[in-house]
Every structure is written in structure tokens, then in C-alpha cells.
């Protein structure tokens, strides 16, 4: 979903195995939404990413986890 929203996002380091800072931030936002069952949108910590990028990743995490929570057995 993140790459569909912004194909220029680099979610992986050049080795293709390890996440980039943006990839790690996206994963953290997914964990946040999963654990707390609330949206990470609006969190002030951005991991040194541009605020616009952080907001996009927060939104993707929220939509993925909270919109499809039954699919992930979170209910």
C-alpha cells in the first residue's frame, strides 16, 4: 500500500534485505496500531523522516491494520 501511494519510497536498504529508515518506521507504525488498536496518524515522532513521509506511512499503517482488523484476527 505504501508503494502504491508513493512509488518513490525506499522501504529497503540497497541489499534488499534490511529495511530502510522509512521501512522501519512503517513497521513501527503497524506495531503501534496493532498493539494499541488505535491510529498512529498524528504521532509526533517521525524518525528524522520528512513530516509528509511520516504522515503517509502512519496513514498506510492505520488503514492496513484498523480497516482490515478481522483479517488479522485483532477483534
PDB file of N, CA and C in Angstrom:
ATOM      1  N   UNK A   1       0.822  -1.196   0.000  1.00  0.00           N
ATOM      2  CA  UNK A   1       0.000   0.000   0.000  1.00  0.00           C
ATOM      3  C   UNK A   1       0.863   1.257   0.000  1.00  0.00           C
ATOM      4  N   UNK A   2       1.946   1.229   0.773  1.00  0.00           N
ATOM      5  CA  UNK A   2       2.816   2.405   0.856  1.00  0.00           C
ATOM      6  C   UNK A   2       3.422   2.720  -0.504  1.00  0.00           C
ATOM      7  N   UNK A   3       3.862   1.703  -1.204  1.00  0.00           N
ATOM      8  CA  UNK A   3       4.479   1.930  -2.507  1.00  0.00           C
ATOM      9  C   UNK A   3       3.461   2.316  -3.566  1.00  0.00           C
ATOM     10  N   UNK A   4       2.230   1.891  -3.413  1.00  0.00           N
ATOM     11  CA  UNK A   4       1.180   2.334  -4.327  1.00  0.00           C
ATOM     12  C   UNK A   4       0.906   3.819  -4.127  1.00  0.00           C
ATOM     13  N   UNK A   5       0.963   4.253  -2.875  1.00  0.00           N
ATOM     14  CA  UNK A   5       0.730   5.659  -2.558  1.00  0.00           C
ATOM     15  C   UNK A   5       1.889   6.531  -3.032  1.00  0.00           C
ATOM     16  N   UNK A   6       3.109   6.035  -2.833  1.00  0.00           N
ATOM     17  CA  UNK A   6       4.306   6.795  -3.208  1.00  0.00           C
ATOM     18  C   UNK A   6       5.371   5.833  -3.712  1.00  0.00           C
ATOM     19  N   UNK A   7       5.404   5.586  -5.031  1.00  0.00           N
ATOM     20  CA  UNK A   7       6.360   4.627  -5.589  1.00  0.00           C
ATOM     21  C   UNK A   7       7.829   5.012  -5.364  1.00  0.00           C
ATOM     22  N   UNK A   8       8.099   6.241  -4.996  1.00  0.00           N
ATOM     23  CA  UNK A   8       9.472   6.678  -4.768  1.00  0.00           C
ATOM     24  C   UNK A   8       9.981   6.322  -3.373  1.00  0.00           C
ATOM     25  N   UNK A   9       9.102   5.824  -2.519  1.00  0.00           N
ATOM     26  CA  UNK A   9       9.529   5.440  -1.175  1.00  0.00           C
ATOM     27  C   UNK A   9      10.587   4.348  -1.255  1.00  0.00           C
ATOM     28  N   UNK A  10      11.595   4.482  -0.447  1.00  0.00           N
ATOM     29  CA  UNK A  10      12.609   3.443  -0.355  1.00  0.00           C
ATOM     30  C   UNK A  10      12.431   2.742   0.994  1.00  0.00           C
ATOM     31  N   UNK A  11      11.793   1.585   0.959  1.00  0.00           N
ATOM     32  CA  UNK A  11      11.493   0.855   2.183  1.00  0.00           C
ATOM     33  C   UNK A  11      12.585  -0.141   2.542  1.00  0.00           C
ATOM     34  N   UNK A  12      13.530  -0.369   1.625  1.00  0.00           N
ATOM     35  CA  UNK A  12      14.600  -1.339   1.840  1.00  0.00           C
ATOM     36  C   UNK A  12      15.950  -0.702   1.568  1.00  0.00           C
ATOM     37  N   UNK A  13      16.955  -1.170   2.282  1.00  0.00           N
ATOM     38  CA  UNK A  13      18.319  -0.742   2.002  1.00  0.00           C
ATOM     39  C   UNK A  13      18.774  -1.380   0.691  1.00  0.00           C
ATOM     40  N   UNK A  14      19.917  -0.975   0.205  1.00  0.00           N
ATOM     41  CA  UNK A  14      20.384  -1.435  -1.103  1.00  0.00           C
ATOM     42  C   UNK A  14      20.579  -2.950  -1.176  1.00  0.00           C
ATOM     43  N   UNK A  15      20.740  -3.621  -0.030  1.00  0.00           N
ATOM     44  CA  UNK A  15      20.902  -5.081  -0.053  1.00  0.00           C
ATOM     45  C   UNK A  15      19.582  -5.816  -0.289  1.00  0.00           C
ATOM     46  N   UNK A  16      18.463  -5.074  -0.249  1.00  0.00           N
ATOM     47  CA  UNK A  16      17.156  -5.670  -0.495  1.00  0.00           C
ATOM     48  C   UNK A  16      16.660  -6.558   0.621  1.00  0.00           C
ATOM     49  N   UNK A  17      17.385  -6.610   1.723  1.00  0.00           N
ATOM     50  CA  UNK A  17      17.032  -7.486   2.827  1.00  0.00           C
ATOM     51  C   UNK A  17      16.679  -6.717   4.092  1.00  0.00           C
ATOM     52  N   UNK A  18      17.381  -5.638   4.326  1.00  0.00           N
ATOM     53  CA  UNK A  18      17.188  -4.863   5.551  1.00  0.00           C
ATOM     54  C   UNK A  18      16.334  -3.630   5.280  1.00  0.00           C
ATOM     55  N   UNK A  19      15.453  -3.297   6.207  1.00  0.00           N
ATOM     56  CA  UNK A  19      14.600  -2.136   5.991  1.00  0.00           C
ATOM     57  C   UNK A  19      15.387  -0.828   6.075  1.00  0.00           C
ATOM     58  N   UNK A  20      14.929   0.127   5.324  1.00  0.00           N
ATOM     59  CA  UNK A  20      15.462   1.486   5.415  1.00  0.00           C
ATOM     60  C   UNK A  20      14.844   2.148   6.646  1.00  0.00           C
ATOM     61  N   UNK A  21      15.196   3.392   6.872  1.00  0.00           N
ATOM     62  CA  UNK A  21      14.587   4.116   7.988  1.00  0.00           C
ATOM     63  C   UNK A  21      13.077   4.222   7.782  1.00  0.00           C
ATOM     64  N   UNK A  22      12.666   4.480   6.547  1.00  0.00           N
ATOM     65  CA  UNK A  22      11.228   4.567   6.259  1.00  0.00           C
ATOM     66  C   UNK A  22      10.548   3.215   6.453  1.00  0.00           C
ATOM     67  N   UNK A  23      11.216   2.134   6.045  1.00  0.00           N
ATOM     68  CA  UNK A  23      10.653   0.797   6.231  1.00  0.00           C
ATOM     69  C   UNK A  23      10.517   0.434   7.694  1.00  0.00           C
ATOM     70  N   UNK A  24      11.517   0.794   8.484  1.00  0.00           N
ATOM     71  CA  UNK A  24      11.450   0.547   9.931  1.00  0.00           C
ATOM     72  C   UNK A  24      10.351   1.377  10.573  1.00  0.00           C
ATOM     73  N   UNK A  25      10.202   2.603  10.122  1.00  0.00           N
ATOM     74  CA  UNK A  25       9.166   3.479  10.671  1.00  0.00           C
ATOM     75  C   UNK A  25       7.777   2.931  10.334  1.00  0.00           C
ATOM     76  N   UNK A  26       7.607   2.470   9.109  1.00  0.00           N
ATOM     77  CA  UNK A  26       6.328   1.874   8.725  1.00  0.00           C
ATOM     78  C   UNK A  26       6.022   0.662   9.601  1.00  0.00           C
ATOM     79  N   UNK A  27       7.003  -0.193   9.803  1.00  0.00           N
ATOM     80  CA  UNK A  27       6.803  -1.372  10.660  1.00  0.00           C
ATOM     81  C   UNK A  27       6.432  -0.946  12.081  1.00  0.00           C
ATOM     82  N   UNK A  28       7.097   0.070  12.596  1.00  0.00           N
ATOM     83  CA  UNK A  28       6.789   0.554  13.951  1.00  0.00           C
ATOM     84  C   UNK A  28       5.358   1.084  14.023  1.00  0.00           C
ATOM     85  N   UNK A  29       4.923   1.770  12.985  1.00  0.00           N
ATOM     86  CA  UNK A  29       3.546   2.280  12.968  1.00  0.00           C
ATOM     87  C   UNK A  29       2.536   1.139  12.914  1.00  0.00           C
ATOM     88  N   UNK A  30       2.868   0.082  12.183  1.00  0.00           N
ATOM     89  CA  UNK A  30       1.996  -1.101  12.130  1.00  0.00           C
ATOM     90  C   UNK A  30       1.920  -1.747  13.516  1.00  0.00           C
ATOM     91  N   UNK A  31       3.067  -1.882  14.179  1.00  0.00           N
ATOM     92  CA  UNK A  31       3.071  -2.440  15.536  1.00  0.00           C
ATOM     93  C   UNK A  31       2.240  -1.570  16.477  1.00  0.00           C
ATOM     94  N   UNK A  32       2.398  -0.267  16.383  1.00  0.00           N
ATOM     95  CA  UNK A  32       1.640   0.662  17.234  1.00  0.00           C
ATOM     96  C   UNK A  32       0.142   0.437  17.038  1.00  0.00           C
ATOM     97  N   UNK A  33      -0.300   0.427  15.788  1.00  0.00           N
ATOM     98  CA  UNK A  33      -1.728   0.251  15.508  1.00  0.00           C
ATOM     99  C   UNK A  33      -2.222  -1.109  15.986  1.00  0.00           C
ATOM    100  N   UNK A  34      -1.390  -2.121  15.880  1.00  0.00           N
ATOM    101  CA  UNK A  34      -1.774  -3.473  16.292  1.00  0.00           C
ATOM    102  C   UNK A  34      -1.863  -3.589  17.811  1.00  0.00           C
ATOM    103  N   UNK A  35      -0.860  -3.102  18.497  1.00  0.00           N
ATOM    104  CA  UNK A  35      -0.806  -3.229  19.952  1.00  0.00           C
ATOM    105  C   UNK A  35      -1.857  -2.360  20.634  1.00  0.00           C
ATOM    106  N   UNK A  36      -1.944  -1.106  20.208  1.00  0.00           N
ATOM    107  CA  UNK A  36      -2.853  -0.173  20.884  1.00  0.00           C
ATOM    108  C   UNK A  36      -4.225  -0.108  20.245  1.00  0.00           C
ATOM    109  N   UNK A  37      -4.370  -0.718  19.076  1.00  0.00           N
ATOM    110  CA  UNK A  37      -5.626  -0.702  18.325  1.00  0.00           C
ATOM    111  C   UNK A  37      -6.152   0.712  18.157  1.00  0.00           C
ATOM    112  N   UNK A  38      -5.220   1.591  17.843  1.00  0.00           N
ATOM    113  CA  UNK A  38      -5.577   2.966  17.510  1.00  0.00           C
ATOM    114  C   UNK A  38      -4.620   3.471  16.449  1.00  0.00           C
ATOM    115  N   UNK A  39      -5.049   4.495  15.783  1.00  0.00           N
ATOM    116  CA  UNK A  39      -4.298   5.023  14.661  1.00  0.00           C
ATOM    117  C   UNK A  39      -3.005   5.712  15.097  1.00  0.00           C
ATOM    118  N   UNK A  40      -1.930   5.464  14.372  1.00  0.00           N
ATOM    119  CA  UNK A  40      -0.698   6.189  14.638  1.00  0.00           C
ATOM    120  C   UNK A  40      -0.672   7.567  13.972  1.00  0.00           C
ATOM    121  N   UNK A  41      -1.690   7.884  13.190  1.00  0.00           N
ATOM    122  CA  UNK A  41      -1.726   9.170  12.495  1.00  0.00           C
ATOM    123  C   UNK A  41      -1.736  10.298  13.527  1.00  0.00           C
ATOM    124  N   UNK A  42      -0.767  11.172  13.382  1.00  0.00           N
ATOM    125  CA  UNK A  42      -0.653  12.296  14.295  1.00  0.00           C
ATOM    126  C   UNK A  42       0.443  12.134  15.330  1.00  0.00           C
ATOM    127  N   UNK A  43       1.065  10.952  15.378  1.00  0.00           N
ATOM    128  CA  UNK A  43       2.186  10.793  16.300  1.00  0.00           C
ATOM    129  C   UNK A  43       3.269  11.806  15.926  1.00  0.00           C
ATOM    130  N   UNK A  44       3.904  12.382  16.920  1.00  0.00           N
ATOM    131  CA  UNK A  44       4.870  13.437  16.644  1.00  0.00           C
ATOM    132  C   UNK A  44       6.254  12.914  16.301  1.00  0.00           C
ATOM    133  N   UNK A  45       6.589  11.703  16.710  1.00  0.00           N
ATOM    134  CA  UNK A  45       7.895  11.141  16.383  1.00  0.00           C
ATOM    135  C   UNK A  45       7.908  10.763  14.905  1.00  0.00           C
ATOM    136  N   UNK A  46       8.921  11.231  14.177  1.00  0.00           N
ATOM    137  CA  UNK A  46       8.982  10.976  12.735  1.00  0.00           C
ATOM    138  C   UNK A  46      10.248  10.241  12.306  1.00  0.00           C
ATOM    139  N   UNK A  47      11.109   9.863  13.230  1.00  0.00           N
ATOM    140  CA  UNK A  47      12.339   9.122  12.912  1.00  0.00           C
ATOM    141  C   UNK A  47      13.206   9.870  11.899  1.00  0.00           C
ATOM    142  N   UNK A  48      13.231  11.162  12.006  1.00  0.00           N
ATOM    143  CA  UNK A  48      14.017  12.013  11.095  1.00  0.00           C
ATOM    144  C   UNK A  48      13.548  11.960   9.648  1.00  0.00           C
ATOM    145  N   UNK A  49      12.361  11.418   9.412  1.00  0.00           N
ATOM    146  CA  UNK A  49      11.787  11.434   8.071  1.00  0.00           C
ATOM    147  C   UNK A  49      11.090  12.768   7.862  1.00  0.00           C
ATOM    148  N   UNK A  50      10.932  13.200   6.621  1.00  0.00           N
ATOM    149  CA  UNK A  50      10.117  14.395   6.385  1.00  0.00           C
ATOM    150  C   UNK A  50       8.713  14.178   6.959  1.00  0.00           C
ATOM    151  N   UNK A  51       8.135  15.214   7.506  1.00  0.00           N
ATOM    152  CA  UNK A  51       6.815  15.074   8.145  1.00  0.00           C
ATOM    153  C   UNK A  51       5.768  14.514   7.187  1.00  0.00           C
ATOM    154  N   UNK A  52       5.847  14.903   5.934  1.00  0.00           N
ATOM    155  CA  UNK A  52       4.875  14.407   4.948  1.00  0.00           C
ATOM    156  C   UNK A  52       5.029  12.895   4.765  1.00  0.00           C
ATOM    157  N   UNK A  53       6.256  12.424   4.687  1.00  0.00           N
ATOM    158  CA  UNK A  53       6.504  10.989   4.532  1.00  0.00           C
ATOM    159  C   UNK A  53       6.041  10.230   5.765  1.00  0.00           C
ATOM    160  N   UNK A  54       6.370  10.747   6.940  1.00  0.00           N
ATOM    161  CA  UNK A  54       5.932  10.085   8.180  1.00  0.00           C
ATOM    162  C   UNK A  54       4.418   9.997   8.231  1.00  0.00           C
ATOM    163  N   UNK A  55       3.732  11.064   7.852  1.00  0.00           N
ATOM    164  CA  UNK A  55       2.260  11.062   7.870  1.00  0.00           C
ATOM    165  C   UNK A  55       1.717  10.037   6.876  1.00  0.00           C
ATOM    166  N   UNK A  56       2.322   9.937   5.698  1.00  0.00           N
ATOM    167  CA  UNK A  56       1.887   8.933   4.719  1.00  0.00           C
ATOM    168  C   UNK A  56       2.027   7.520   5.296  1.00  0.00           C
ATOM    169  N   UNK A  57       3.159   7.257   5.926  1.00  0.00           N
ATOM    170  CA  UNK A  57       3.399   5.923   6.487  1.00  0.00           C
ATOM    171  C   UNK A  57       2.474   5.646   7.666  1.00  0.00           C
ATOM    172  N   UNK A  58       2.205   6.641   8.481  1.00  0.00           N
ATOM    173  CA  UNK A  58       1.243   6.490   9.578  1.00  0.00           C
ATOM    174  C   UNK A  58      -0.132   6.137   9.025  1.00  0.00           C
ATOM    175  N   UNK A  59      -0.519   6.814   7.965  1.00  0.00           N
ATOM    176  CA  UNK A  59      -1.835   6.590   7.352  1.00  0.00           C
ATOM    177  C   UNK A  59      -1.938   5.188   6.765  1.00  0.00           C
ATOM    178  N   UNK A  60      -0.897   4.757   6.066  1.00  0.00           N
ATOM    179  CA  UNK A  60      -0.889   3.405   5.498  1.00  0.00           C
ATOM    180  C   UNK A  60      -1.004   2.362   6.603  1.00  0.00           C
ATOM    181  N   UNK A  61      -0.253   2.531   7.666  1.00  0.00           N
ATOM    182  CA  UNK A  61      -0.309   1.578   8.779  1.00  0.00           C
ATOM    183  C   UNK A  61      -1.710   1.539   9.385  1.00  0.00           C
ATOM    184  N   UNK A  62      -2.287   2.704   9.610  1.00  0.00           N
ATOM    185  CA  UNK A  62      -3.631   2.762  10.195  1.00  0.00           C
ATOM    186  C   UNK A  62      -4.653   2.086   9.292  1.00  0.00           C
ATOM    187  N   UNK A  63      -4.604   2.393   8.013  1.00  0.00           N
ATOM    188  CA  UNK A  63      -5.565   1.798   7.089  1.00  0.00           C
ATOM    189  C   UNK A  63      -5.386   0.290   6.994  1.00  0.00           C
ATOM    190  N   UNK A  64      -4.175  -0.158   6.938  1.00  0.00           N
ATOM    191  CA  UNK A  64      -3.898  -1.587   6.796  1.00  0.00           C
ATOM    192  C   UNK A  64      -4.345  -2.375   8.021  1.00  0.00           C
ATOM    193  N   UNK A  65      -4.000  -1.880   9.190  1.00  0.00           N
ATOM    194  CA  UNK A  65      -4.303  -2.623  10.416  1.00  0.00           C
ATOM    195  C   UNK A  65      -5.752  -2.436  10.845  1.00  0.00           C
ATOM    196  N   UNK A  66      -6.206  -1.213  10.927  1.00  0.00           N
ATOM    197  CA  UNK A  66      -7.512  -0.945  11.528  1.00  0.00           C
ATOM    198  C   UNK A  66      -8.674  -1.207  10.581  1.00  0.00           C
ATOM    199  N   UNK A  67      -8.484  -1.011   9.293  1.00  0.00           N
ATOM    200  CA  UNK A  67      -9.556  -1.278   8.341  1.00  0.00           C
ATOM    201  C   UNK A  67      -9.767  -2.772   8.152  1.00  0.00           C
ATOM    202  N   UNK A  68      -8.685  -3.522   8.235  1.00  0.00           N
ATOM    203  CA  UNK A  68      -8.761  -4.964   7.997  1.00  0.00           C
ATOM    204  C   UNK A  68      -8.494  -5.764   9.270  1.00  0.00           C
ATOM    205  N   UNK A  69      -8.844  -5.216  10.433  1.00  0.00           N
ATOM    206  CA  UNK A  69      -8.529  -5.888  11.692  1.00  0.00           C
ATOM    207  C   UNK A  69      -9.105  -7.317  11.801  1.00  0.00           C
ATOM    208  N   UNK A  70     -10.294  -7.608  11.272  1.00  0.00           N
ATOM    209  CA  UNK A  70     -10.753  -9.009  11.342  1.00  0.00           C
ATOM    210  C   UNK A  70      -9.835  -9.955  10.551  1.00  0.00           C
ATOM    211  N   UNK A  71      -9.304  -9.469   9.443  1.00  0.00           N
ATOM    212  CA  UNK A  71      -8.399 -10.280   8.638  1.00  0.00           C
ATOM    213  C   UNK A  71      -7.154 -10.651   9.427  1.00  0.00           C
ATOM    214  N   UNK A  72      -6.721  -9.774  10.322  1.00  0.00           N
ATOM    215  CA  UNK A  72      -5.516 -10.003  11.118  1.00  0.00           C
ATOM    216  C   UNK A  72      -5.837 -10.616  12.487  1.00  0.00           C
ATOM    217  N   UNK A  73      -7.116 -11.023  12.683  1.00  0.00           N
ATOM    218  CA  UNK A  73      -7.562 -11.624  13.957  1.00  0.00           C
ATOM    219  C   UNK A  73      -7.317 -10.686  15.139  1.00  0.00           C
ATOM    220  N   UNK A  74      -7.649  -9.421  14.954  1.00  0.00           N
ATOM    221  CA  UNK A  74      -7.433  -8.427  16.009  1.00  0.00           C
ATOM    222  C   UNK A  74      -8.724  -8.048  16.721  1.00  0.00           C
ATOM    223  N   UNK A  75      -9.765  -8.778  16.501  1.00  0.00           N
ATOM    224  CA  UNK A  75     -11.034  -8.422  17.140  1.00  0.00           C
ATOM    225  C   UNK A  75     -11.334  -9.333  18.296  1.00  0.00           C
TER     226      UNK A  75
END
